[in-house]
Amino acid sequence: MKNYFKKFSIMFVMTLVIIGFGIIQNGSSANAADIGWQRYEKTSSYFLYEGSWSYTNGSAYLDAFTYNSSADLRFNFYGSKLRFYSLGRSDHSLNAVINIDGIDYQFKETTSYSNDYSLDFEKNGLELKNHSVVVKKLDANNRCLSFRAIDIDSTGKMLPYDYTTLTALTSETSNAITLKWNTANSSNVTGYNIKRSTTSGGTYETIATSSDTSYTDTNVQLGVTYYYIITPIIASKEGTKSNEAYAICKFNESISLDKSSINVNVGDTQQLTATTTPAGAQVTWTLDNTGVATVDSTGKVTGVKEGSCTITATTANGLTATCVVTVTKETKSISLNKSTTSLTIDDSETLIATTTPAGINVKWSSSDTSVATVDSNGKVTAIGSGTATITATTLDGSNLSASCLVTVAQKGNDPAQAGSEYITNIAHAKGDNTNNPGGEVTIIFHGTADTTLSVVKTADVKDVWVGDNFTYTLVITNTGTKTAKAVVVNDPAPNHIDFNVSGVTTTQGTVDSSSTSKNIIVNVGDIPPTGTVTIKIPATVIA
């Protein structure tokens, strides 16, 4: 028997096939189950020996054994702890494994002849439920896997090795019952018979055969309770039947929301609408974070503070639908349709303020009402030559504002020819420590300036027609005794003129990126006393 020696008076050798399951310990002796445990010997019908196994039956020793690495021992039990015993011998496995519910535990078997029941493995603290166990050896064929008995907790029980646990669930979206079960603890299972009855424990009819571990029964009627069992097919024969599971087909109920996610500002509200089948079913609204938002009994959501939460609508039968709510602080803004504009005395133009969110009331004001006034609707009226800043300010407490620089020119004389008119262009230059003079206009002082800038503007033509191109030349000179700091030149286009922004040149500084065909801004920088900067602005006459 290949290095196998036993002391006994009678030996009986037989080959078995089995499936197994186990846990690891040391080689202490236990000829009877301890208190709190119950023992099952190797000859119990609960054990399945798969592959090539033998067992001895003598006056002193009893064990099942195999030298085959492809053989294994299988069994199922209900409980929370397990012990595995072998019969001590010198060639026992030094690399065995017990797999419990898919988790491997390695152990060594006792190699001493002194113990009739050698405790090789013990596992406590398992979840109290049905467990599937497979035991096998991993070392070479000159090592033997021996099995004598197992102990499980005294309140547990052994289950047939092909036992399956069945559950039945009704569908929330269709008239169907879904069955699920675990795989029978045998490598020879070829499928499962699904059986059904309309009475508990009654006569079961086989309604399907499945090679999978789930099945959906769609041939069901509303309001009927169905009872099911599963039997594995092993070697063309039916195995042990499962537990009985039942389910009742209710009305095909459902619930959905009109939105799966929403964004709401702090203090704002949005309405969620639940649709149920049957229509009009009672719905309860809840959320998981009342610090972020609230929801009332109608599904109206109110933002409380920045964050996110999930709102759940639940029917009386427990069906649910959810919506993720993100609460943010509202981003407010105001802008005008123009940043600069040019008027002649007695002309008017209406500025348009756009707010986010829309509809915020604004207040209009003018920095110099002797130059231009503005009414409550943003209508600007030119009063006298010069510049004024028109500002629109929000009245909702955010105090945001946007402004437009208005340049007012005097009215020209009657045109020299019928159908013609004068085009007057006014450019302005100002530094941090200068007054604000403008070409062709009276210089307006605001306080006492440290130094003075002179702006002279000329054009290289005297008469133009629609479509003509020409160039304005601006010469800015520091006529004072101190350096003019951070000088900025602002040149609004007059009526009938478009500036060519890309063609603007300056002997000092840069053209500001905000410049447009209607307004040129040049950031000149510092101009020392007697310093001069020349700016050329290409222009086109338009209708």
Protein backbone atom coordinates (compact mmCIF):
# COMPACT_ATOMS: atom_id res chain seq x y z
CA MET A 1 0.00 0.00 0.00
CA LYS A 2 2.84 2.38 -0.76
CA ASN A 3 4.56 3.28 2.53
CA TYR A 4 1.33 2.73 4.43
CA PHE A 5 1.59 0.72 7.65
CA LYS A 6 -1.16 0.17 10.24
CA LYS A 7 -1.55 -1.96 13.39
CA PHE A 8 -4.82 -3.80 13.09
CA SER A 9 -6.14 -7.35 12.97
CA ILE A 10 -8.54 -6.96 10.04
CA MET A 11 -8.18 -4.63 7.03
CA PHE A 12 -10.86 -3.73 4.53
CA VAL A 13 -9.94 -1.57 1.53
CA MET A 14 -12.46 0.09 -0.74
CA THR A 15 -12.41 2.95 -3.26
CA LEU A 16 -14.81 5.87 -2.84
CA VAL A 17 -15.56 9.19 -4.52
CA ILE A 18 -16.11 12.32 -2.36
CA ILE A 19 -16.36 16.12 -2.07
CA GLY A 20 -15.06 18.05 0.98
CA PHE A 21 -14.68 21.21 3.06
CA GLY A 22 -12.42 22.12 6.07
CA ILE A 23 -10.13 24.27 8.38
CA ILE A 24 -6.60 23.99 10.08
CA GLN A 25 -5.30 23.09 13.57
CA ASN A 26 -2.56 21.05 15.30
CA GLY A 27 -2.14 17.34 15.99
CA SER A 28 -3.80 16.82 19.39
CA SER A 29 -5.80 13.68 20.13
CA ALA A 30 -9.58 13.58 20.62
CA ASN A 31 -11.31 10.20 20.58
CA ALA A 32 -14.70 11.72 21.39
CA ALA A 33 -16.29 15.05 20.59
CA ASP A 34 -15.75 17.74 23.20
CA ILE A 35 -18.63 19.51 24.91
CA GLY A 36 -20.19 21.97 22.46
CA TRP A 37 -19.23 19.80 19.47
CA GLN A 38 -20.73 16.83 17.62
CA ARG A 39 -18.78 14.29 15.54
CA TYR A 40 -19.34 12.72 12.11
CA GLU A 41 -17.19 9.72 11.12
CA LYS A 42 -15.73 9.14 7.69
CA THR A 43 -18.40 6.57 6.81
CA SER A 44 -21.23 9.13 7.10
CA SER A 45 -23.34 9.50 3.95
CA TYR A 46 -22.91 13.26 4.21
CA PHE A 47 -19.36 12.95 2.83
CA LEU A 48 -18.61 12.82 -0.90
CA TYR A 49 -15.25 11.29 -1.88
CA GLU A 50 -14.24 12.44 -5.37
CA GLY A 51 -11.36 10.73 -7.17
CA SER A 52 -9.43 7.70 -5.94
CA TRP A 53 -9.88 7.02 -2.20
CA SER A 54 -9.41 4.00 0.08
CA TYR A 55 -10.27 3.42 3.67
CA THR A 56 -9.08 0.93 6.30
CA ASN A 57 -11.24 -0.85 8.81
CA GLY A 58 -9.30 -2.46 11.63
CA SER A 59 -9.44 -3.13 15.33
CA ALA A 60 -7.43 -0.04 16.19
CA TYR A 61 -7.57 2.37 13.28
CA LEU A 62 -10.22 3.78 10.96
CA ASP A 63 -9.53 6.37 8.23
CA ALA A 64 -10.10 7.13 4.57
CA PHE A 65 -6.97 8.05 2.62
CA THR A 66 -5.71 8.99 -0.83
CA TYR A 67 -2.32 9.53 -2.47
CA ASN A 68 -3.95 11.16 -5.48
CA SER A 69 -3.55 14.95 -5.67
CA SER A 70 -6.63 15.24 -7.89
CA ALA A 71 -8.89 13.55 -5.33
CA ASP A 72 -10.83 15.57 -2.75
CA LEU A 73 -13.36 15.30 0.09
CA ARG A 74 -16.59 17.36 0.01
CA PHE A 75 -19.39 18.06 2.46
CA ASN A 76 -21.86 20.74 3.58
CA PHE A 77 -22.84 21.74 7.08
CA TYR A 78 -24.79 24.39 8.97
CA GLY A 79 -22.89 25.91 11.88
CA SER A 80 -20.16 28.32 12.94
CA LYS A 81 -17.13 26.08 13.65
CA LEU A 82 -15.33 23.03 12.27
CA ARG A 83 -12.64 20.50 13.26
CA PHE A 84 -10.87 18.05 10.92
CA TYR A 85 -9.28 14.78 12.17
CA SER A 86 -6.90 12.35 10.49
CA LEU A 87 -5.32 9.05 11.61
CA GLY A 88 -1.66 9.71 12.50
CA ARG A 89 0.95 8.32 10.11
CA SER A 90 4.44 9.22 8.92
CA ASP A 91 3.68 9.85 5.25
CA HIS A 92 0.75 12.20 5.84
CA SER A 93 0.34 15.36 3.76
CA LEU A 94 2.49 18.32 4.73
CA ASN A 95 0.63 20.65 2.36
CA ALA A 96 -3.12 20.14 2.57
CA VAL A 97 -5.88 22.72 2.07
CA ILE A 98 -9.42 23.11 3.35
CA ASN A 99 -11.61 25.42 1.27
CA ILE A 100 -14.60 26.89 3.12
CA ASP A 101 -17.03 28.87 0.99
CA GLY A 102 -14.30 29.63 -1.55
CA ILE A 103 -11.58 30.58 0.98
CA ASP A 104 -8.48 28.34 1.25
CA TYR A 105 -6.93 27.40 4.62
CA GLN A 106 -3.64 25.44 4.43
CA PHE A 107 -2.63 22.91 7.10
CA LYS A 108 -0.32 19.95 7.80
CA GLU A 109 -1.51 16.54 8.89
CA THR A 110 -0.03 14.76 11.89
CA THR A 111 2.87 12.41 11.04
CA SER A 112 2.86 10.54 14.38
CA TYR A 113 1.41 7.03 14.76
CA SER A 114 0.36 7.70 18.36
CA ASN A 115 -3.06 9.30 17.80
CA ASP A 116 -6.20 7.50 16.78
CA TYR A 117 -8.01 10.83 16.18
CA SER A 118 -5.45 13.48 15.24
CA LEU A 119 -6.83 17.06 15.23
CA ASP A 120 -5.17 18.68 12.21
CA PHE A 121 -7.36 21.74 11.71
CA GLU A 122 -9.87 23.88 13.62
CA LYS A 123 -11.80 26.96 12.51
CA ASN A 124 -14.02 28.98 14.84
CA GLY A 125 -16.03 32.15 14.33
CA LEU A 126 -17.63 31.26 11.03
CA GLU A 127 -20.88 32.97 10.14
CA LEU A 128 -23.81 30.87 11.35
CA LYS A 129 -25.12 29.64 8.01
CA ASN A 130 -24.78 26.85 5.46
CA HIS A 131 -21.14 26.20 4.49
CA SER A 132 -19.58 24.23 1.60
CA VAL A 133 -16.22 22.50 2.26
CA VAL A 134 -13.61 20.90 -0.04
CA VAL A 135 -10.49 19.15 1.39
CA LYS A 136 -7.51 18.08 -0.74
CA LYS A 137 -3.72 17.74 -0.66
CA LEU A 138 -1.28 19.80 -2.71
CA ASP A 139 1.95 17.79 -2.23
CA ALA A 140 3.35 14.90 -4.30
CA ASN A 141 1.78 11.45 -4.65
CA ASN A 142 4.17 9.94 -2.10
CA ARG A 143 2.23 11.83 0.57
CA CYS A 144 -1.12 10.66 1.86
CA LEU A 145 -4.24 12.69 2.75
CA SER A 146 -5.94 10.94 5.68
CA PHE A 147 -9.49 11.59 6.91
CA ARG A 148 -10.92 10.19 10.12
CA ALA A 149 -13.81 12.46 11.20
CA ILE A 150 -15.04 16.03 11.57
CA ASP A 151 -16.61 17.90 14.48
CA ILE A 152 -19.12 20.74 14.09
CA ASP A 153 -20.87 22.82 16.74
CA SER A 154 -23.42 20.87 18.76
CA THR A 155 -26.27 23.12 17.57
CA GLY A 156 -25.29 22.74 13.91
CA LYS A 157 -26.20 20.04 11.43
CA MET A 158 -24.78 18.24 8.44
CA LEU A 159 -26.38 18.82 5.06
CA PRO A 160 -26.34 16.54 2.01
CA TYR A 161 -23.28 17.27 -0.10
CA ASP A 162 -25.53 18.17 -3.03
CA TYR A 163 -27.82 20.40 -0.95
CA THR A 164 -28.71 23.79 -2.46
CA THR A 165 -30.18 26.87 -0.79
CA LEU A 166 -32.95 28.46 -2.83
CA THR A 167 -34.41 31.98 -2.76
CA ALA A 168 -37.36 33.39 -4.72
CA LEU A 169 -37.89 37.08 -5.50
CA THR A 170 -40.66 38.88 -7.36
CA SER A 171 -39.69 41.37 -10.05
CA GLU A 172 -40.33 45.08 -9.51
CA THR A 173 -40.58 45.79 -13.24
CA SER A 174 -42.42 42.80 -14.70
CA ASN A 175 -44.73 39.91 -13.79
CA ALA A 176 -42.04 37.35 -13.02
CA ILE A 177 -40.39 35.44 -10.17
CA THR A 178 -36.61 35.08 -10.11
CA LEU A 179 -35.05 32.03 -8.43
CA LYS A 180 -31.43 31.86 -7.25
CA TRP A 181 -29.48 29.05 -5.59
CA ASN A 182 -25.93 28.06 -4.74
CA THR A 183 -23.91 25.50 -6.71
CA ALA A 184 -24.26 21.94 -5.41
CA ASN A 185 -21.02 20.74 -3.80
CA SER A 186 -20.18 18.16 -6.46
CA SER A 187 -18.05 18.33 -9.60
CA ASN A 188 -20.42 15.93 -11.32
CA VAL A 189 -23.44 18.27 -11.36
CA THR A 190 -24.69 18.70 -14.94
CA GLY A 191 -27.74 20.86 -14.24
CA TYR A 192 -30.69 21.58 -11.97
CA ASN A 193 -34.38 20.73 -12.21
CA ILE A 194 -36.67 23.61 -11.25
CA LYS A 195 -39.93 22.41 -9.72
CA ARG A 196 -43.05 24.40 -8.84
CA SER A 197 -46.30 23.95 -6.93
CA THR A 198 -49.18 26.18 -5.90
CA THR A 199 -49.34 24.57 -2.45
CA SER A 200 -46.60 24.35 0.15
CA GLY A 201 -45.05 20.87 0.22
CA GLY A 202 -47.53 19.83 -2.45
CA THR A 203 -46.97 18.00 -5.68
CA TYR A 204 -44.16 19.72 -7.57
CA GLU A 205 -44.07 19.93 -11.35
CA THR A 206 -40.75 20.26 -13.16
CA ILE A 207 -41.07 23.48 -15.15
CA ALA A 208 -37.50 23.83 -16.44
CA THR A 209 -33.95 22.49 -16.34
CA SER A 210 -31.05 24.93 -16.04
CA SER A 211 -27.28 24.58 -16.14
CA ASP A 212 -27.05 27.95 -14.38
CA THR A 213 -27.79 28.79 -10.73
CA SER A 214 -30.67 31.15 -11.48
CA TYR A 215 -33.96 31.01 -13.34
CA THR A 216 -36.78 33.51 -14.05
CA ASP A 217 -40.30 32.12 -14.11
CA THR A 218 -42.43 34.35 -16.34
CA ASN A 219 -45.39 31.97 -16.62
CA VAL A 220 -47.07 33.33 -13.49
CA GLN A 221 -50.37 34.96 -12.60
CA LEU A 222 -51.01 38.01 -10.46
CA GLY A 223 -52.00 37.28 -6.87
CA VAL A 224 -50.96 33.60 -6.95
CA THR A 225 -48.39 32.23 -4.49
CA TYR A 226 -45.90 29.81 -6.08
CA TYR A 227 -43.69 27.32 -4.18
CA TYR A 228 -40.38 26.11 -5.64
CA ILE A 229 -37.65 23.53 -4.99
CA ILE A 230 -34.42 22.77 -6.86
CA THR A 231 -32.83 19.32 -7.36
CA PRO A 232 -29.32 18.94 -8.77
CA ILE A 233 -28.70 16.43 -11.56
CA ILE A 234 -25.68 14.26 -10.67
CA ALA A 235 -24.66 11.35 -12.91
CA SER A 236 -28.03 11.58 -14.69
CA LYS A 237 -29.90 11.23 -11.41
CA GLU A 238 -31.67 13.75 -9.23
CA GLY A 239 -29.88 14.70 -6.03
CA THR A 240 -31.11 16.14 -2.77
CA LYS A 241 -33.93 18.65 -3.06
CA SER A 242 -33.35 22.19 -1.84
CA ASN A 243 -35.33 24.08 0.73
CA GLU A 244 -38.74 25.32 -0.40
CA ALA A 245 -38.94 28.98 -1.43
CA TYR A 246 -42.07 30.87 -2.36
CA ALA A 247 -43.16 34.21 -3.84
CA ILE A 248 -46.42 35.89 -4.81
CA CYS A 249 -46.89 37.93 -7.97
CA LYS A 250 -48.24 41.32 -6.98
CA PHE A 251 -49.57 44.02 -9.27
CA ASN A 252 -46.85 45.18 -11.63
CA GLU A 253 -46.02 48.25 -9.56
CA SER A 254 -43.40 50.80 -10.47
CA ILE A 255 -42.22 54.29 -9.59
CA SER A 256 -40.00 56.73 -11.47
CA LEU A 257 -39.00 60.38 -11.17
CA ASP A 258 -38.95 62.95 -13.95
CA LYS A 259 -35.32 63.78 -13.10
CA SER A 260 -32.44 61.59 -11.91
CA SER A 261 -30.33 64.61 -10.90
CA ILE A 262 -30.94 68.34 -10.42
CA ASN A 263 -28.91 71.45 -9.62
CA VAL A 264 -30.52 74.04 -7.36
CA ASN A 265 -29.20 77.29 -5.95
CA VAL A 266 -29.26 78.05 -2.24
CA GLY A 267 -32.71 79.41 -1.44
CA ASP A 268 -34.21 78.36 -4.77
CA THR A 269 -36.70 75.54 -5.35
CA GLN A 270 -37.32 72.87 -7.96
CA GLN A 271 -40.21 70.44 -8.32
CA LEU A 272 -39.74 66.68 -8.65
CA THR A 273 -42.61 64.63 -10.06
CA ALA A 274 -43.12 60.94 -9.30
CA THR A 275 -44.93 58.68 -11.78
CA THR A 276 -46.36 55.45 -10.36
CA THR A 277 -48.03 52.33 -11.67
CA PRO A 278 -50.83 52.14 -10.80
CA ALA A 279 -51.27 55.90 -11.18
CA GLY A 280 -51.88 57.93 -8.06
CA ALA A 281 -50.15 55.56 -5.63
CA GLN A 282 -49.15 57.19 -2.34
CA VAL A 283 -45.54 58.41 -2.34
CA THR A 284 -43.38 59.37 0.63
CA TRP A 285 -40.48 61.78 0.05
CA THR A 286 -37.27 61.58 2.11
CA LEU A 287 -33.66 62.72 1.79
CA ASP A 288 -30.38 61.69 3.38
CA ASN A 289 -29.06 65.16 4.33
CA THR A 290 -31.51 67.81 5.52
CA GLY A 291 -28.61 70.23 6.03
CA VAL A 292 -28.15 70.53 2.27
CA ALA A 293 -31.76 70.58 1.04
CA THR A 294 -35.35 69.93 2.10
CA VAL A 295 -38.21 68.21 0.31
CA ASP A 296 -41.90 68.54 1.11
CA SER A 297 -44.75 66.07 0.71
CA THR A 298 -45.28 67.11 -2.91
CA GLY A 299 -41.66 66.65 -4.01
CA LYS A 300 -40.71 70.34 -3.97
CA VAL A 301 -36.98 70.64 -3.28
CA THR A 302 -35.43 73.71 -1.60
CA GLY A 303 -31.67 74.37 -1.53
CA VAL A 304 -30.33 75.04 1.99
CA LYS A 305 -26.55 75.15 1.66
CA GLU A 306 -23.81 74.03 -0.72
CA GLY A 307 -23.42 70.25 -1.00
CA SER A 308 -25.17 67.19 -2.38
CA CYS A 309 -27.81 64.76 -1.16
CA THR A 310 -30.12 62.06 -2.48
CA ILE A 311 -33.90 62.37 -2.45
CA THR A 312 -35.92 59.14 -2.41
CA ALA A 313 -39.56 58.67 -3.37
CA THR A 314 -41.04 55.49 -1.83
CA THR A 315 -44.35 53.76 -2.46
CA ALA A 316 -46.39 52.04 0.24
CA ASN A 317 -45.04 48.68 -0.99
CA GLY A 318 -41.43 49.78 -0.69
CA LEU A 319 -40.60 50.58 -4.33
CA THR A 320 -38.19 53.51 -4.62
CA ALA A 321 -36.83 56.03 -7.10
CA THR A 322 -34.03 58.49 -6.37
CA CYS A 323 -32.70 61.85 -7.53
CA VAL A 324 -29.27 63.30 -6.73
CA VAL A 325 -29.50 66.99 -5.72
CA THR A 326 -26.51 69.33 -5.99
CA VAL A 327 -26.90 72.66 -4.18
CA THR A 328 -24.66 75.57 -5.20
CA LYS A 329 -24.39 79.24 -4.41
CA GLU A 330 -25.85 81.34 -7.21
CA THR A 331 -23.31 83.08 -9.43
CA LYS A 332 -24.53 86.62 -10.07
CA SER A 333 -23.25 89.06 -12.67
CA ILE A 334 -24.14 92.22 -14.60
CA SER A 335 -22.90 93.49 -17.96
CA LEU A 336 -23.77 96.25 -20.42
CA ASN A 337 -24.15 95.91 -24.15
CA LYS A 338 -21.47 98.60 -24.61
CA SER A 339 -18.32 99.57 -22.71
CA THR A 340 -17.86 102.84 -24.63
CA THR A 341 -20.03 105.00 -26.84
CA SER A 342 -19.86 108.43 -28.49
CA LEU A 343 -22.68 110.97 -28.75
CA THR A 344 -23.13 114.56 -29.84
CA ILE A 345 -24.93 117.09 -27.69
CA ASP A 346 -28.72 116.46 -27.55
CA ASP A 347 -28.34 112.90 -28.93
CA SER A 348 -29.45 109.91 -26.89
CA GLU A 349 -28.83 106.16 -26.74
CA THR A 350 -30.28 103.41 -24.56
CA LEU A 351 -27.84 101.08 -22.82
CA ILE A 352 -28.97 97.53 -22.03
CA ALA A 353 -28.04 95.82 -18.75
CA THR A 354 -27.97 92.00 -18.65
CA THR A 355 -28.02 90.28 -15.25
CA THR A 356 -27.49 86.70 -14.07
CA PRO A 357 -29.94 85.54 -12.95
CA ALA A 358 -32.13 87.49 -15.32
CA GLY A 359 -34.52 90.12 -14.03
CA ILE A 360 -32.45 91.68 -11.22
CA ASN A 361 -33.44 95.36 -10.85
CA VAL A 362 -30.68 97.89 -11.48
CA LYS A 363 -30.06 101.54 -10.67
CA TRP A 364 -28.54 103.82 -13.33
CA SER A 365 -26.20 106.74 -12.54
CA SER A 366 -23.91 109.22 -14.32
CA SER A 367 -20.52 110.36 -13.06
CA ASP A 368 -21.07 113.80 -14.60
CA THR A 369 -24.61 114.94 -15.34
CA SER A 370 -23.26 118.11 -17.03
CA VAL A 371 -21.94 115.82 -19.76
CA ALA A 372 -24.60 113.07 -19.90
CA THR A 373 -27.66 111.97 -17.95
CA VAL A 374 -29.29 108.56 -17.73
CA ASP A 375 -32.86 107.62 -16.80
CA SER A 376 -34.20 104.55 -14.95
CA ASN A 377 -34.37 102.59 -18.22
CA GLY A 378 -30.73 103.17 -19.20
CA LYS A 379 -31.47 105.91 -21.75
CA VAL A 380 -28.40 108.19 -21.99
CA THR A 381 -28.82 111.81 -23.13
CA ALA A 382 -25.83 113.94 -24.17
CA ILE A 383 -25.83 117.33 -22.38
CA GLY A 384 -22.41 118.92 -22.84
CA SER A 385 -19.03 118.07 -24.39
CA GLY A 386 -16.69 115.86 -22.37
CA THR A 387 -16.77 112.35 -20.89
CA ALA A 388 -18.99 110.72 -18.29
CA THR A 389 -19.21 107.20 -16.92
CA ILE A 390 -22.68 105.66 -16.91
CA THR A 391 -23.02 102.91 -14.27
CA ALA A 392 -25.70 100.24 -13.73
CA THR A 393 -25.76 98.79 -10.18
CA THR A 394 -27.78 95.77 -8.98
CA LEU A 395 -30.38 96.38 -6.27
CA ASP A 396 -30.69 92.83 -4.87
CA GLY A 397 -27.99 93.37 -2.25
CA SER A 398 -25.12 91.98 -4.34
CA ASN A 399 -24.14 95.56 -5.31
CA LEU A 400 -22.60 94.46 -8.62
CA SER A 401 -22.03 97.12 -11.28
CA ALA A 402 -21.07 97.59 -14.93
CA SER A 403 -20.20 100.86 -16.67
CA CYS A 404 -19.92 102.51 -20.05
CA LEU A 405 -17.65 105.46 -20.92
CA VAL A 406 -19.69 108.07 -22.83
CA THR A 407 -17.89 110.70 -24.89
CA VAL A 408 -19.98 113.73 -25.88
CA ALA A 409 -18.89 116.07 -28.69
CA GLN A 410 -20.25 119.45 -29.71
CA LYS A 411 -22.50 119.58 -32.72
CA GLY A 412 -20.69 120.44 -35.94
CA ASN A 413 -21.61 123.30 -38.34
CA ASP A 414 -23.90 122.75 -41.26
CA PRO A 415 -22.22 120.55 -43.83
CA ALA A 416 -20.47 122.33 -46.71
CA GLN A 417 -22.13 120.10 -49.25
CA ALA A 418 -25.56 118.47 -49.30
CA GLY A 419 -25.48 114.94 -48.00
CA SER A 420 -22.15 115.41 -46.16
CA GLU A 421 -21.29 115.87 -42.48
CA TYR A 422 -18.29 116.46 -40.29
CA ILE A 423 -16.65 113.53 -38.47
CA THR A 424 -15.14 114.62 -35.18
CA ASN A 425 -12.88 112.17 -33.31
CA ILE A 426 -11.78 112.83 -29.75
CA ALA A 427 -8.95 110.92 -28.06
CA HIS A 428 -8.09 111.14 -24.39
CA ALA A 429 -4.90 110.47 -22.47
CA LYS A 430 -4.53 110.17 -18.72
CA GLY A 431 -1.83 109.05 -16.32
CA ASP A 432 -1.91 108.29 -12.61
CA ASN A 433 -0.65 111.79 -11.81
CA THR A 434 -2.09 113.79 -14.70
CA ASN A 435 -5.26 115.61 -15.64
CA ASN A 436 -7.53 114.15 -18.35
CA PRO A 437 -7.11 116.22 -21.56
CA GLY A 438 -8.64 115.29 -24.88
CA GLY A 439 -7.76 116.22 -28.40
CA GLU A 440 -10.03 118.86 -29.87
CA VAL A 441 -11.84 119.44 -26.55
CA THR A 442 -11.47 121.59 -23.50
CA ILE A 443 -9.31 119.96 -20.83
CA ILE A 444 -11.32 119.17 -17.71
CA PHE A 445 -9.30 119.16 -14.47
CA HIS A 446 -10.29 117.12 -11.39
CA GLY A 447 -8.15 118.58 -8.64
CA THR A 448 -4.60 119.76 -9.19
CA ALA A 449 -2.53 117.61 -11.52
CA ASP A 450 1.18 117.07 -11.03
CA THR A 451 1.93 117.30 -14.70
CA THR A 452 0.15 117.93 -17.99
CA LEU A 453 -0.35 115.85 -21.13
CA SER A 454 -0.97 117.33 -24.56
CA VAL A 455 -2.90 115.28 -27.13
CA VAL A 456 -2.81 116.37 -30.77
CA LYS A 457 -4.83 114.32 -33.25
CA THR A 458 -4.72 114.62 -37.02
CA ALA A 459 -6.01 112.70 -40.03
CA ASP A 460 -4.19 112.17 -43.31
CA VAL A 461 -7.31 113.19 -45.31
CA LYS A 462 -9.72 116.11 -45.31
CA ASP A 463 -12.70 114.61 -47.15
CA VAL A 464 -13.79 110.99 -47.26
CA TRP A 465 -16.49 108.85 -48.79
CA VAL A 466 -18.04 105.60 -47.62
CA GLY A 467 -15.49 102.83 -48.07
CA ASP A 468 -12.42 105.12 -47.92
CA ASN A 469 -9.46 104.15 -45.74
CA PHE A 470 -7.31 106.66 -43.91
CA THR A 471 -5.15 106.98 -40.75
CA TYR A 472 -5.49 109.01 -37.57
CA THR A 473 -2.25 110.12 -35.88
CA LEU A 474 -2.19 110.86 -32.14
CA VAL A 475 0.80 112.67 -30.61
CA ILE A 476 0.86 112.65 -26.82
CA THR A 477 3.42 114.97 -25.20
CA ASN A 478 4.29 115.49 -21.54
CA THR A 479 4.38 119.30 -21.26
CA GLY A 480 4.96 119.27 -17.50
CA THR A 481 8.04 119.01 -15.34
CA LYS A 482 7.36 115.53 -13.86
CA THR A 483 7.06 112.07 -15.40
CA ALA A 484 3.46 111.20 -16.28
CA LYS A 485 2.82 107.76 -14.70
CA ALA A 486 0.97 104.81 -16.28
CA VAL A 487 -0.51 106.80 -19.17
CA VAL A 488 -3.48 105.20 -20.96
CA VAL A 489 -4.84 106.59 -24.23
CA ASN A 490 -8.54 106.01 -24.95
CA ASP A 491 -9.85 106.79 -28.45
CA PRO A 492 -13.59 106.12 -29.09
CA ALA A 493 -14.55 105.92 -32.77
CA PRO A 494 -16.93 108.62 -34.04
CA ASN A 495 -20.03 107.87 -36.09
CA HIS A 496 -19.35 106.44 -39.57
CA ILE A 497 -15.85 105.24 -38.56
CA ASP A 498 -14.51 101.73 -37.83
CA PHE A 499 -10.99 101.36 -36.47
CA ASN A 500 -8.65 98.62 -37.76
CA VAL A 501 -7.44 97.21 -34.42
CA SER A 502 -4.76 94.94 -35.89
CA GLY A 503 -3.17 97.88 -37.74
CA VAL A 504 -2.72 100.16 -34.72
CA THR A 505 0.93 101.08 -33.98
CA THR A 506 2.51 102.96 -31.11
CA THR A 507 6.04 104.17 -30.48
CA GLN A 508 5.69 103.21 -26.83
CA GLY A 509 3.52 100.74 -24.89
CA THR A 510 1.00 98.18 -26.18
CA VAL A 511 -2.50 98.09 -27.64
CA ASP A 512 -4.88 96.76 -24.98
CA SER A 513 -6.54 93.42 -25.78
CA SER A 514 -9.96 94.91 -25.03
CA SER A 515 -9.67 97.31 -27.98
CA THR A 516 -12.42 97.06 -30.59
CA SER A 517 -13.30 98.64 -33.91
CA LYS A 518 -15.26 101.24 -31.90
CA ASN A 519 -12.71 102.02 -29.19
CA ILE A 520 -8.90 101.86 -29.09
CA ILE A 521 -7.07 101.66 -25.77
CA VAL A 522 -3.25 101.96 -25.69
CA ASN A 523 -1.34 101.31 -22.48
CA VAL A 524 1.51 103.79 -23.06
CA GLY A 525 3.22 103.60 -19.67
CA ASP A 526 5.36 106.42 -18.22
CA ILE A 527 6.14 109.55 -20.30
CA PRO A 528 9.03 111.69 -19.01
CA PRO A 529 8.96 115.50 -19.22
CA THR A 530 9.02 116.65 -22.88
CA GLY A 531 8.55 112.97 -23.87
CA THR A 532 6.42 112.21 -26.91
CA VAL A 533 4.49 109.09 -27.98
CA THR A 534 2.99 108.70 -31.46
CA ILE A 535 0.05 106.38 -32.11
CA LYS A 536 -1.30 105.62 -35.60
CA ILE A 537 -4.84 104.23 -35.98
CA PRO A 538 -6.01 102.98 -39.41
CA ALA A 539 -9.71 103.66 -40.03
CA THR A 540 -12.44 102.90 -42.58
CA VAL A 541 -15.47 105.05 -43.42
CA ILE A 542 -18.78 103.21 -43.08
CA ALA A 543 -22.35 104.20 -43.91
